[in-house]
Amino acid sequence: MGKKTAIVVACAFALSGCNIIEDMIADKVSEKVAEEVIENALENEGGGKADVDLSSGQVNVKTDKGSFSSGGNGEAKVPDSFPDDVTLPKNAKVRMAIDGESGINVTLESEETPDAIASFVKDDAKKNNWVQKSAADIGHAQLLVLEKDGRTLSVTVGSDKQGKSTMIMYNMQKAKK
């Protein structure tokens, strides 16, 4: 390769690198603008001060009234306020989490069968002294309602439409004051 060709190739790589950097900057600016628009909308709707984070493929929203986390191409984050006396299934991916004024909702996805997950939930509840109030098996889903210390925990376990994974929904109502 001649000296001129090498310079042209080097310039082409440098310019293409600039385009990559420009794209990265544009993406970051777009992300920040979107965060600000969502924050303003939430604040205008009476949600109080809002903090929105759209980085790392997730949507994380915190307001004075609660928080929301959803894992777009990753996992969502379980709220810090999720009770210590409820064990989530290992290897289950957290797909969505909401921490609101009245309670906490966490949705997970697992490759385990619905029966295996339901059995895990029942065993964990017994180990952590939750009282089973009701249970229902409606074929494609199982529902378990538990109580402890003035709190109510509803757990729904079912397979997705294709039957390839199990969805688990925890709904924890906060204790009544």
C-alpha atoms as a PDB file:
ATOM      1  CA  MET A   1       0.000   0.000   0.000  1.00  0.00           C
ATOM      2  CA  GLY A   2       1.357   3.405  -0.964  1.00  0.00           C
ATOM      3  CA  LYS A   3       1.747   6.349   1.378  1.00  0.00           C
ATOM      4  CA  LYS A   4      -1.196   8.235  -0.176  1.00  0.00           C
ATOM      5  CA  THR A   5      -3.465   5.185   0.056  1.00  0.00           C
ATOM      6  CA  ALA A   6      -2.540   4.714   3.708  1.00  0.00           C
ATOM      7  CA  ILE A   7      -3.395   8.361   4.438  1.00  0.00           C
ATOM      8  CA  VAL A   8      -6.758   8.050   2.645  1.00  0.00           C
ATOM      9  CA  VAL A   9      -7.589   4.839   4.562  1.00  0.00           C
ATOM     10  CA  ALA A  10      -6.544   6.465   7.867  1.00  0.00           C
ATOM     11  CA  CYS A  11      -8.718   9.519   7.111  1.00  0.00           C
ATOM     12  CA  ALA A  12     -11.671   7.288   6.227  1.00  0.00           C
ATOM     13  CA  PHE A  13     -11.337   5.422   9.531  1.00  0.00           C
ATOM     14  CA  ALA A  14     -11.005   8.706  11.417  1.00  0.00           C
ATOM     15  CA  LEU A  15     -14.087  10.151   9.729  1.00  0.00           C
ATOM     16  CA  SER A  16     -16.122   7.008  10.308  1.00  0.00           C
ATOM     17  CA  GLY A  17     -15.009   7.132  13.939  1.00  0.00           C
ATOM     18  CA  CYS A  18     -16.286  10.707  14.126  1.00  0.00           C
ATOM     19  CA  ASN A  19     -19.652   9.525  12.841  1.00  0.00           C
ATOM     20  CA  ILE A  20     -19.756   6.866  15.546  1.00  0.00           C
ATOM     21  CA  ILE A  21     -18.895   9.453  18.190  1.00  0.00           C
ATOM     22  CA  GLU A  22     -21.470  11.869  16.754  1.00  0.00           C
ATOM     23  CA  ASP A  23     -24.089   9.102  16.868  1.00  0.00           C
ATOM     24  CA  MET A  24     -23.199   8.300  20.476  1.00  0.00           C
ATOM     25  CA  ILE A  25     -23.489  11.962  21.450  1.00  0.00           C
ATOM     26  CA  ALA A  26     -26.791  12.315  19.582  1.00  0.00           C
ATOM     27  CA  ASP A  27     -28.159   9.198  21.335  1.00  0.00           C
ATOM     28  CA  LYS A  28     -27.130  10.519  24.753  1.00  0.00           C
ATOM     29  CA  VAL A  29     -28.668  13.928  24.036  1.00  0.00           C
ATOM     30  CA  SER A  30     -31.896  12.271  22.828  1.00  0.00           C
ATOM     31  CA  GLU A  31     -31.951  10.132  25.986  1.00  0.00           C
ATOM     32  CA  LYS A  32     -31.543  13.194  28.222  1.00  0.00           C
ATOM     33  CA  VAL A  33     -34.235  15.133  26.318  1.00  0.00           C
ATOM     34  CA  ALA A  34     -36.638  12.188  26.630  1.00  0.00           C
ATOM     35  CA  GLU A  35     -35.893  11.917  30.358  1.00  0.00           C
ATOM     36  CA  GLU A  36     -36.614  15.625  30.836  1.00  0.00           C
ATOM     37  CA  VAL A  37     -39.871  15.462  28.842  1.00  0.00           C
ATOM     38  CA  ILE A  38     -41.106  12.484  30.907  1.00  0.00           C
ATOM     39  CA  GLU A  39     -40.047  14.149  34.178  1.00  0.00           C
ATOM     40  CA  ASN A  40     -41.927  17.339  33.266  1.00  0.00           C
ATOM     41  CA  ALA A  41     -45.039  15.381  32.261  1.00  0.00           C
ATOM     42  CA  LEU A  42     -45.043  13.436  35.531  1.00  0.00           C
ATOM     43  CA  GLU A  43     -44.499  16.570  37.601  1.00  0.00           C
ATOM     44  CA  ASN A  44     -47.303  18.383  35.740  1.00  0.00           C
ATOM     45  CA  GLU A  45     -49.656  15.463  36.436  1.00  0.00           C
ATOM     46  CA  GLY A  46     -49.138  15.865  40.173  1.00  0.00           C
ATOM     47  CA  GLY A  47     -46.575  13.120  40.702  1.00  0.00           C
ATOM     48  CA  GLY A  48     -44.268  15.473  42.588  1.00  0.00           C
ATOM     49  CA  LYS A  49     -40.581  15.775  41.791  1.00  0.00           C
ATOM     50  CA  ALA A  50     -39.697  13.141  39.192  1.00  0.00           C
ATOM     51  CA  ASP A  51     -36.369  11.535  38.305  1.00  0.00           C
ATOM     52  CA  VAL A  52     -36.254   9.485  35.094  1.00  0.00           C
ATOM     53  CA  ASP A  53     -33.295   7.352  33.995  1.00  0.00           C
ATOM     54  CA  LEU A  54     -33.416   5.705  30.565  1.00  0.00           C
ATOM     55  CA  SER A  55     -29.812   4.485  30.503  1.00  0.00           C
ATOM     56  CA  SER A  56     -28.578   0.918  30.104  1.00  0.00           C
ATOM     57  CA  GLY A  57     -31.684  -0.369  28.325  1.00  0.00           C
ATOM     58  CA  GLN A  58     -33.927   0.191  31.333  1.00  0.00           C
ATOM     59  CA  VAL A  59     -36.641   2.621  32.308  1.00  0.00           C
ATOM     60  CA  ASN A  60     -36.346   3.783  35.914  1.00  0.00           C
ATOM     61  CA  VAL A  61     -38.736   6.411  37.283  1.00  0.00           C
ATOM     62  CA  LYS A  62     -38.796   7.781  40.831  1.00  0.00           C
ATOM     63  CA  THR A  63     -41.339  10.289  42.108  1.00  0.00           C
ATOM     64  CA  ASP A  64     -42.509  11.423  45.526  1.00  0.00           C
ATOM     65  CA  LYS A  65     -45.306   8.851  45.206  1.00  0.00           C
ATOM     66  CA  GLY A  66     -43.255   5.795  44.238  1.00  0.00           C
ATOM     67  CA  SER A  67     -40.996   4.236  41.650  1.00  0.00           C
ATOM     68  CA  PHE A  68     -41.169   2.166  38.471  1.00  0.00           C
ATOM     69  CA  SER A  69     -38.491   0.020  36.860  1.00  0.00           C
ATOM     70  CA  SER A  70     -38.709  -1.915  33.613  1.00  0.00           C
ATOM     71  CA  GLY A  71     -35.960  -3.864  31.919  1.00  0.00           C
ATOM     72  CA  GLY A  72     -36.219  -3.182  28.204  1.00  0.00           C
ATOM     73  CA  ASN A  73     -33.319  -5.299  27.052  1.00  0.00           C
ATOM     74  CA  GLY A  74     -32.090  -6.161  30.513  1.00  0.00           C
ATOM     75  CA  GLU A  75     -33.490  -6.700  33.944  1.00  0.00           C
ATOM     76  CA  ALA A  76     -35.496  -4.298  36.048  1.00  0.00           C
ATOM     77  CA  LYS A  77     -34.507  -3.592  39.644  1.00  0.00           C
ATOM     78  CA  VAL A  78     -36.449  -4.931  42.625  1.00  0.00           C
ATOM     79  CA  PRO A  79     -37.365  -1.972  44.873  1.00  0.00           C
ATOM     80  CA  ASP A  80     -35.312  -1.609  48.045  1.00  0.00           C
ATOM     81  CA  SER A  81     -38.600  -1.647  49.969  1.00  0.00           C
ATOM     82  CA  PHE A  82     -39.423  -5.190  48.799  1.00  0.00           C
ATOM     83  CA  PRO A  83     -39.878  -7.264  51.973  1.00  0.00           C
ATOM     84  CA  ASP A  84     -36.972  -9.330  53.281  1.00  0.00           C
ATOM     85  CA  ASP A  85     -39.330 -12.142  54.277  1.00  0.00           C
ATOM     86  CA  VAL A  86     -40.264 -12.926  50.658  1.00  0.00           C
ATOM     87  CA  THR A  87     -37.684 -14.808  48.605  1.00  0.00           C
ATOM     88  CA  LEU A  88     -37.820 -14.404  44.840  1.00  0.00           C
ATOM     89  CA  PRO A  89     -37.071 -17.506  42.753  1.00  0.00           C
ATOM     90  CA  LYS A  90     -33.415 -17.868  41.823  1.00  0.00           C
ATOM     91  CA  ASN A  91     -32.571 -17.445  38.147  1.00  0.00           C
ATOM     92  CA  ALA A  92     -35.826 -15.566  37.539  1.00  0.00           C
ATOM     93  CA  LYS A  93     -35.399 -12.325  35.616  1.00  0.00           C
ATOM     94  CA  VAL A  94     -37.094  -9.235  36.963  1.00  0.00           C
ATOM     95  CA  ARG A  95     -39.045  -7.761  34.054  1.00  0.00           C
ATOM     96  CA  MET A  96     -40.916  -4.957  35.826  1.00  0.00           C
ATOM     97  CA  ALA A  97     -41.167  -3.478  39.308  1.00  0.00           C
ATOM     98  CA  ILE A  98     -43.436  -0.785  40.734  1.00  0.00           C
ATOM     99  CA  ASP A  99     -43.212   0.677  44.231  1.00  0.00           C
ATOM    100  CA  GLY A 100     -46.286   2.807  44.833  1.00  0.00           C
ATOM    101  CA  GLU A 101     -48.191   4.306  47.728  1.00  0.00           C
ATOM    102  CA  SER A 102     -50.406   1.263  48.243  1.00  0.00           C
ATOM    103  CA  GLY A 103     -47.955  -1.506  47.460  1.00  0.00           C
ATOM    104  CA  ILE A 104     -45.202  -3.126  45.481  1.00  0.00           C
ATOM    105  CA  ASN A 105     -45.602  -5.110  42.246  1.00  0.00           C
ATOM    106  CA  VAL A 106     -42.780  -7.216  40.841  1.00  0.00           C
ATOM    107  CA  THR A 107     -43.071  -9.271  37.651  1.00  0.00           C
ATOM    108  CA  LEU A 108     -40.499 -11.965  36.939  1.00  0.00           C
ATOM    109  CA  GLU A 109     -39.850 -14.491  34.191  1.00  0.00           C
ATOM    110  CA  SER A 110     -38.381 -17.948  34.756  1.00  0.00           C
ATOM    111  CA  GLU A 111     -37.569 -21.039  32.730  1.00  0.00           C
ATOM    112  CA  GLU A 112     -38.841 -23.211  35.600  1.00  0.00           C
ATOM    113  CA  THR A 113     -42.298 -24.775  35.230  1.00  0.00           C
ATOM    114  CA  PRO A 114     -45.290 -23.028  36.804  1.00  0.00           C
ATOM    115  CA  ASP A 115     -45.737 -25.973  39.200  1.00  0.00           C
ATOM    116  CA  ALA A 116     -42.103 -25.760  40.341  1.00  0.00           C
ATOM    117  CA  ILE A 117     -42.387 -22.007  40.931  1.00  0.00           C
ATOM    118  CA  ALA A 118     -45.725 -22.341  42.774  1.00  0.00           C
ATOM    119  CA  SER A 119     -44.194 -25.023  44.994  1.00  0.00           C
ATOM    120  CA  PHE A 120     -41.208 -22.761  45.687  1.00  0.00           C
ATOM    121  CA  VAL A 121     -43.506 -19.859  46.624  1.00  0.00           C
ATOM    122  CA  LYS A 122     -45.555 -22.039  48.997  1.00  0.00           C
ATOM    123  CA  ASP A 123     -42.438 -23.485  50.664  1.00  0.00           C
ATOM    124  CA  ASP A 124     -40.886 -20.032  51.055  1.00  0.00           C
ATOM    125  CA  ALA A 125     -44.107 -18.613  52.513  1.00  0.00           C
ATOM    126  CA  LYS A 126     -44.286 -21.396  55.087  1.00  0.00           C
ATOM    127  CA  LYS A 127     -40.596 -20.988  55.985  1.00  0.00           C
ATOM    128  CA  ASN A 128     -41.107 -17.223  56.513  1.00  0.00           C
ATOM    129  CA  ASN A 129     -44.320 -17.634  58.575  1.00  0.00           C
ATOM    130  CA  TRP A 130     -46.803 -16.263  56.037  1.00  0.00           C
ATOM    131  CA  VAL A 131     -50.383 -17.506  56.527  1.00  0.00           C
ATOM    132  CA  GLN A 132     -52.074 -18.858  53.407  1.00  0.00           C
ATOM    133  CA  LYS A 133     -55.529 -17.275  53.054  1.00  0.00           C
ATOM    134  CA  SER A 134     -56.497 -18.784  49.721  1.00  0.00           C
ATOM    135  CA  ALA A 135     -55.172 -20.617  46.699  1.00  0.00           C
ATOM    136  CA  ALA A 136     -56.615 -21.274  43.266  1.00  0.00           C
ATOM    137  CA  ASP A 137     -55.462 -23.309  40.293  1.00  0.00           C
ATOM    138  CA  ILE A 138     -57.294 -22.291  37.118  1.00  0.00           C
ATOM    139  CA  GLY A 139     -55.347 -24.465  34.699  1.00  0.00           C
ATOM    140  CA  HIS A 140     -53.081 -21.952  33.035  1.00  0.00           C
ATOM    141  CA  ALA A 141     -52.361 -19.996  36.238  1.00  0.00           C
ATOM    142  CA  GLN A 142     -52.113 -20.459  39.985  1.00  0.00           C
ATOM    143  CA  LEU A 143     -52.959 -17.781  42.544  1.00  0.00           C
ATOM    144  CA  LEU A 144     -51.797 -17.754  46.144  1.00  0.00           C
ATOM    145  CA  VAL A 145     -52.909 -15.158  48.712  1.00  0.00           C
ATOM    146  CA  LEU A 146     -50.839 -14.859  51.898  1.00  0.00           C
ATOM    147  CA  GLU A 147     -50.962 -12.607  54.965  1.00  0.00           C
ATOM    148  CA  LYS A 148     -48.463 -11.589  57.624  1.00  0.00           C
ATOM    149  CA  ASP A 149     -48.202  -8.634  60.003  1.00  0.00           C
ATOM    150  CA  GLY A 150     -51.102  -6.763  58.381  1.00  0.00           C
ATOM    151  CA  ARG A 151     -49.668  -7.194  54.887  1.00  0.00           C
ATOM    152  CA  THR A 152     -51.251  -9.125  52.030  1.00  0.00           C
ATOM    153  CA  LEU A 153     -49.147 -10.817  49.369  1.00  0.00           C
ATOM    154  CA  SER A 154     -50.758 -12.152  46.190  1.00  0.00           C
ATOM    155  CA  VAL A 155     -48.620 -14.294  43.918  1.00  0.00           C
ATOM    156  CA  THR A 156     -49.797 -15.314  40.459  1.00  0.00           C
ATOM    157  CA  VAL A 157     -47.835 -17.946  38.538  1.00  0.00           C
ATOM    158  CA  GLY A 158     -48.558 -18.927  34.949  1.00  0.00           C
ATOM    159  CA  SER A 159     -46.942 -19.786  31.660  1.00  0.00           C
ATOM    160  CA  ASP A 160     -46.610 -17.393  28.758  1.00  0.00           C
ATOM    161  CA  LYS A 161     -48.769 -17.844  25.647  1.00  0.00           C
ATOM    162  CA  GLN A 162     -46.220 -20.140  24.016  1.00  0.00           C
ATOM    163  CA  GLY A 163     -45.672 -22.164  27.203  1.00  0.00           C
ATOM    164  CA  LYS A 164     -41.923 -21.544  26.985  1.00  0.00           C
ATOM    165  CA  SER A 165     -41.466 -19.544  30.185  1.00  0.00           C
ATOM    166  CA  THR A 166     -43.203 -18.896  33.466  1.00  0.00           C
ATOM    167  CA  MET A 167     -44.375 -15.460  34.521  1.00  0.00           C
ATOM    168  CA  ILE A 168     -44.530 -14.720  38.239  1.00  0.00           C
ATOM    169  CA  MET A 169     -46.320 -11.656  39.610  1.00  0.00           C
ATOM    170  CA  TYR A 170     -45.872 -10.584  43.221  1.00  0.00           C
ATOM    171  CA  ASN A 171     -48.336  -7.976  44.496  1.00  0.00           C
ATOM    172  CA  MET A 172     -47.532  -6.813  48.034  1.00  0.00           C
ATOM    173  CA  GLN A 173     -50.090  -4.531  49.657  1.00  0.00           C
ATOM    174  CA  LYS A 174     -48.484  -2.388  52.317  1.00  0.00           C
ATOM    175  CA  ALA A 175     -49.666  -2.795  55.894  1.00  0.00           C
ATOM    176  CA  LYS A 176     -52.671  -0.673  56.784  1.00  0.00           C
ATOM    177  CA  LYS A 177     -51.946   1.967  59.382  1.00  0.00           C
END
